[in-house]
Amino acid sequence: MPVLDAAAIINAKLAEGVTVPEVLGELKDFESRELAQAMVSEGRLKVLSPSKDSVDAVRDAASPRLSETDLQVLALGFELKEEIVTDDYSLQASAKRLGLKFRPVIFEGITH
């Protein structure tokens, strides 16, 4: 299951995935919160927290521009060895440095 950031939930309305609790906290509009809650209730969206070891492992490779939420998303992708779905270029670049796959949501992903 891909690891979703807030943009993936808001814009792509993907069929299924996994995310971190902090992403749910970033969903400010009613429609996005309701969509995420429905996905959780239906078992299409799992909410997990990465281990402290995974967060520590990715912190050095992560861009200093990453928010704590993005760091959690990156660590979960690292821990689960899953693709990260995001439009955040700093998150994409950090994933690339860690050898993780990523997929953009709306915008073209990083090229280098």
C-alpha atoms as a PDB file:
ATOM      1  CA  MET A   1       0.000   0.000   0.000  1.00  0.00           C
ATOM      2  CA  PRO A   2       1.433   3.400  -0.876  1.00  0.00           C
ATOM      3  CA  VAL A   3       2.182   5.922   1.873  1.00  0.00           C
ATOM      4  CA  LEU A   4       0.023   9.010   1.356  1.00  0.00           C
ATOM      5  CA  ASP A   5       0.694  12.588   2.356  1.00  0.00           C
ATOM      6  CA  ALA A   6      -2.112  15.136   2.695  1.00  0.00           C
ATOM      7  CA  ALA A   7      -2.001  16.122  -0.990  1.00  0.00           C
ATOM      8  CA  ALA A   8      -2.565  12.520  -2.011  1.00  0.00           C
ATOM      9  CA  ILE A   9      -5.723  12.346   0.077  1.00  0.00           C
ATOM     10  CA  ILE A  10      -7.010  15.820  -0.836  1.00  0.00           C
ATOM     11  CA  ASN A  11      -6.256  15.829  -4.565  1.00  0.00           C
ATOM     12  CA  ALA A  12      -5.972  12.275  -5.755  1.00  0.00           C
ATOM     13  CA  LYS A  13      -8.660  10.645  -3.659  1.00  0.00           C
ATOM     14  CA  LEU A  14      -6.777   7.380  -4.040  1.00  0.00           C
ATOM     15  CA  ALA A  15      -8.540   4.091  -3.523  1.00  0.00           C
ATOM     16  CA  GLU A  16      -6.282   2.896  -0.700  1.00  0.00           C
ATOM     17  CA  GLY A  17      -3.092   3.540   1.195  1.00  0.00           C
ATOM     18  CA  VAL A  18      -1.470   4.127   4.538  1.00  0.00           C
ATOM     19  CA  THR A  19      -0.665   7.401   6.269  1.00  0.00           C
ATOM     20  CA  VAL A  20       0.472   8.848   9.581  1.00  0.00           C
ATOM     21  CA  PRO A  21      -1.788  10.493  12.199  1.00  0.00           C
ATOM     22  CA  GLU A  22      -0.166  13.876  11.545  1.00  0.00           C
ATOM     23  CA  VAL A  23      -1.462  13.857   7.946  1.00  0.00           C
ATOM     24  CA  LEU A  24      -5.026  13.508   9.182  1.00  0.00           C
ATOM     25  CA  GLY A  25      -4.396  16.561  11.355  1.00  0.00           C
ATOM     26  CA  GLU A  26      -3.436  18.551   8.247  1.00  0.00           C
ATOM     27  CA  LEU A  27      -6.781  17.926   6.554  1.00  0.00           C
ATOM     28  CA  LYS A  28      -8.554  21.214   7.188  1.00  0.00           C
ATOM     29  CA  ASP A  29     -11.516  21.187   4.815  1.00  0.00           C
ATOM     30  CA  PHE A  30     -14.653  19.220   5.597  1.00  0.00           C
ATOM     31  CA  GLU A  31     -14.631  17.181   2.373  1.00  0.00           C
ATOM     32  CA  SER A  32     -11.054  15.931   2.868  1.00  0.00           C
ATOM     33  CA  ARG A  33     -11.638  15.037   6.520  1.00  0.00           C
ATOM     34  CA  GLU A  34     -14.822  13.162   5.625  1.00  0.00           C
ATOM     35  CA  LEU A  35     -13.120  11.351   2.743  1.00  0.00           C
ATOM     36  CA  ALA A  36     -10.238  10.268   4.970  1.00  0.00           C
ATOM     37  CA  GLN A  37     -12.604   9.141   7.729  1.00  0.00           C
ATOM     38  CA  ALA A  38     -14.661   7.122   5.251  1.00  0.00           C
ATOM     39  CA  MET A  39     -11.488   5.516   3.872  1.00  0.00           C
ATOM     40  CA  VAL A  40     -10.400   4.587   7.415  1.00  0.00           C
ATOM     41  CA  SER A  41     -13.854   3.199   8.269  1.00  0.00           C
ATOM     42  CA  GLU A  42     -13.891   1.111   5.082  1.00  0.00           C
ATOM     43  CA  GLY A  43     -10.390  -0.216   5.725  1.00  0.00           C
ATOM     44  CA  ARG A  44      -8.974   1.479   2.618  1.00  0.00           C
ATOM     45  CA  LEU A  45      -6.756   3.841   4.626  1.00  0.00           C
ATOM     46  CA  LYS A  46      -4.620   2.601   7.479  1.00  0.00           C
ATOM     47  CA  VAL A  47      -3.154   5.054   9.962  1.00  0.00           C
ATOM     48  CA  LEU A  48       0.221   4.006  11.379  1.00  0.00           C
ATOM     49  CA  SER A  49       3.141   5.669  13.134  1.00  0.00           C
ATOM     50  CA  PRO A  50       6.712   4.816  12.166  1.00  0.00           C
ATOM     51  CA  SER A  51       9.068   3.549  14.838  1.00  0.00           C
ATOM     52  CA  LYS A  52      11.512   5.932  16.473  1.00  0.00           C
ATOM     53  CA  ASP A  53      14.307   3.923  14.840  1.00  0.00           C
ATOM     54  CA  SER A  54      12.847   4.598  11.375  1.00  0.00           C
ATOM     55  CA  VAL A  55      12.473   8.316  12.096  1.00  0.00           C
ATOM     56  CA  ASP A  56      16.068   8.462  13.322  1.00  0.00           C
ATOM     57  CA  ALA A  57      17.268   6.511  10.261  1.00  0.00           C
ATOM     58  CA  VAL A  58      15.735   8.935   7.760  1.00  0.00           C
ATOM     59  CA  ARG A  59      16.420  12.169   9.630  1.00  0.00           C
ATOM     60  CA  ASP A  60      19.988  12.544   8.303  1.00  0.00           C
ATOM     61  CA  ALA A  61      18.966  12.000   4.672  1.00  0.00           C
ATOM     62  CA  ALA A  62      15.880  14.180   4.942  1.00  0.00           C
ATOM     63  CA  SER A  63      15.799  17.706   3.630  1.00  0.00           C
ATOM     64  CA  PRO A  64      15.878  20.288   6.423  1.00  0.00           C
ATOM     65  CA  ARG A  65      12.806  21.786   4.730  1.00  0.00           C
ATOM     66  CA  LEU A  66      10.640  18.823   5.701  1.00  0.00           C
ATOM     67  CA  SER A  67       7.945  19.418   8.257  1.00  0.00           C
ATOM     68  CA  GLU A  68       7.595  16.975  11.129  1.00  0.00           C
ATOM     69  CA  THR A  69       4.596  15.493   9.311  1.00  0.00           C
ATOM     70  CA  ASP A  70       6.640  14.972   6.144  1.00  0.00           C
ATOM     71  CA  LEU A  71       9.421  13.384   8.182  1.00  0.00           C
ATOM     72  CA  GLN A  72       6.884  10.946   9.640  1.00  0.00           C
ATOM     73  CA  VAL A  73       5.591  10.117   6.124  1.00  0.00           C
ATOM     74  CA  LEU A  74       9.152   9.553   4.913  1.00  0.00           C
ATOM     75  CA  ALA A  75       9.964   7.338   7.904  1.00  0.00           C
ATOM     76  CA  LEU A  76       6.832   5.258   7.382  1.00  0.00           C
ATOM     77  CA  GLY A  77       7.676   4.758   3.702  1.00  0.00           C
ATOM     78  CA  PHE A  78      11.198   3.748   4.732  1.00  0.00           C
ATOM     79  CA  GLU A  79       9.937   1.341   7.381  1.00  0.00           C
ATOM     80  CA  LEU A  80       7.328  -0.298   5.162  1.00  0.00           C
ATOM     81  CA  LYS A  81       9.491  -0.111   2.014  1.00  0.00           C
ATOM     82  CA  GLU A  82       6.531   1.394   0.173  1.00  0.00           C
ATOM     83  CA  GLU A  83       6.102   4.089  -2.442  1.00  0.00           C
ATOM     84  CA  ILE A  84       5.362   7.599  -1.147  1.00  0.00           C
ATOM     85  CA  VAL A  85       2.635   9.591  -2.908  1.00  0.00           C
ATOM     86  CA  THR A  86       3.310  13.332  -2.624  1.00  0.00           C
ATOM     87  CA  ASP A  87       3.664  16.560  -4.573  1.00  0.00           C
ATOM     88  CA  ASP A  88       6.166  17.932  -2.047  1.00  0.00           C
ATOM     89  CA  TYR A  89       9.499  18.251  -3.881  1.00  0.00           C
ATOM     90  CA  SER A  90      11.546  18.187  -0.661  1.00  0.00           C
ATOM     91  CA  LEU A  91       9.822  14.970   0.361  1.00  0.00           C
ATOM     92  CA  GLN A  92      10.384  13.497  -3.108  1.00  0.00           C
ATOM     93  CA  ALA A  93      14.085  14.456  -3.026  1.00  0.00           C
ATOM     94  CA  SER A  94      14.495  12.960   0.439  1.00  0.00           C
ATOM     95  CA  ALA A  95      12.783   9.753  -0.685  1.00  0.00           C
ATOM     96  CA  LYS A  96      15.075   9.575  -3.692  1.00  0.00           C
ATOM     97  CA  ARG A  97      18.179   9.955  -1.476  1.00  0.00           C
ATOM     98  CA  LEU A  98      16.928   7.021   0.590  1.00  0.00           C
ATOM     99  CA  GLY A  99      16.296   4.900  -2.498  1.00  0.00           C
ATOM    100  CA  LEU A 100      12.522   5.002  -1.974  1.00  0.00           C
ATOM    101  CA  LYS A 101      10.025   5.169  -4.798  1.00  0.00           C
ATOM    102  CA  PHE A 102       7.684   8.123  -4.971  1.00  0.00           C
ATOM    103  CA  ARG A 103       4.835   9.219  -7.180  1.00  0.00           C
ATOM    104  CA  PRO A 104       3.517  12.755  -7.661  1.00  0.00           C
ATOM    105  CA  VAL A 105      -0.168  13.503  -7.226  1.00  0.00           C
ATOM    106  CA  ILE A 106      -0.961  16.394  -9.584  1.00  0.00           C
ATOM    107  CA  PHE A 107       2.315  18.095 -10.438  1.00  0.00           C
ATOM    108  CA  GLU A 108       5.226  16.567 -12.290  1.00  0.00           C
ATOM    109  CA  GLY A 109       7.682  14.960  -9.887  1.00  0.00           C
ATOM    110  CA  ILE A 110      11.315  15.888  -9.459  1.00  0.00           C
ATOM    111  CA  THR A 111      13.594  14.978 -12.312  1.00  0.00           C
ATOM    112  CA  HIS A 112      16.989  15.216 -10.645  1.00  0.00           C
END
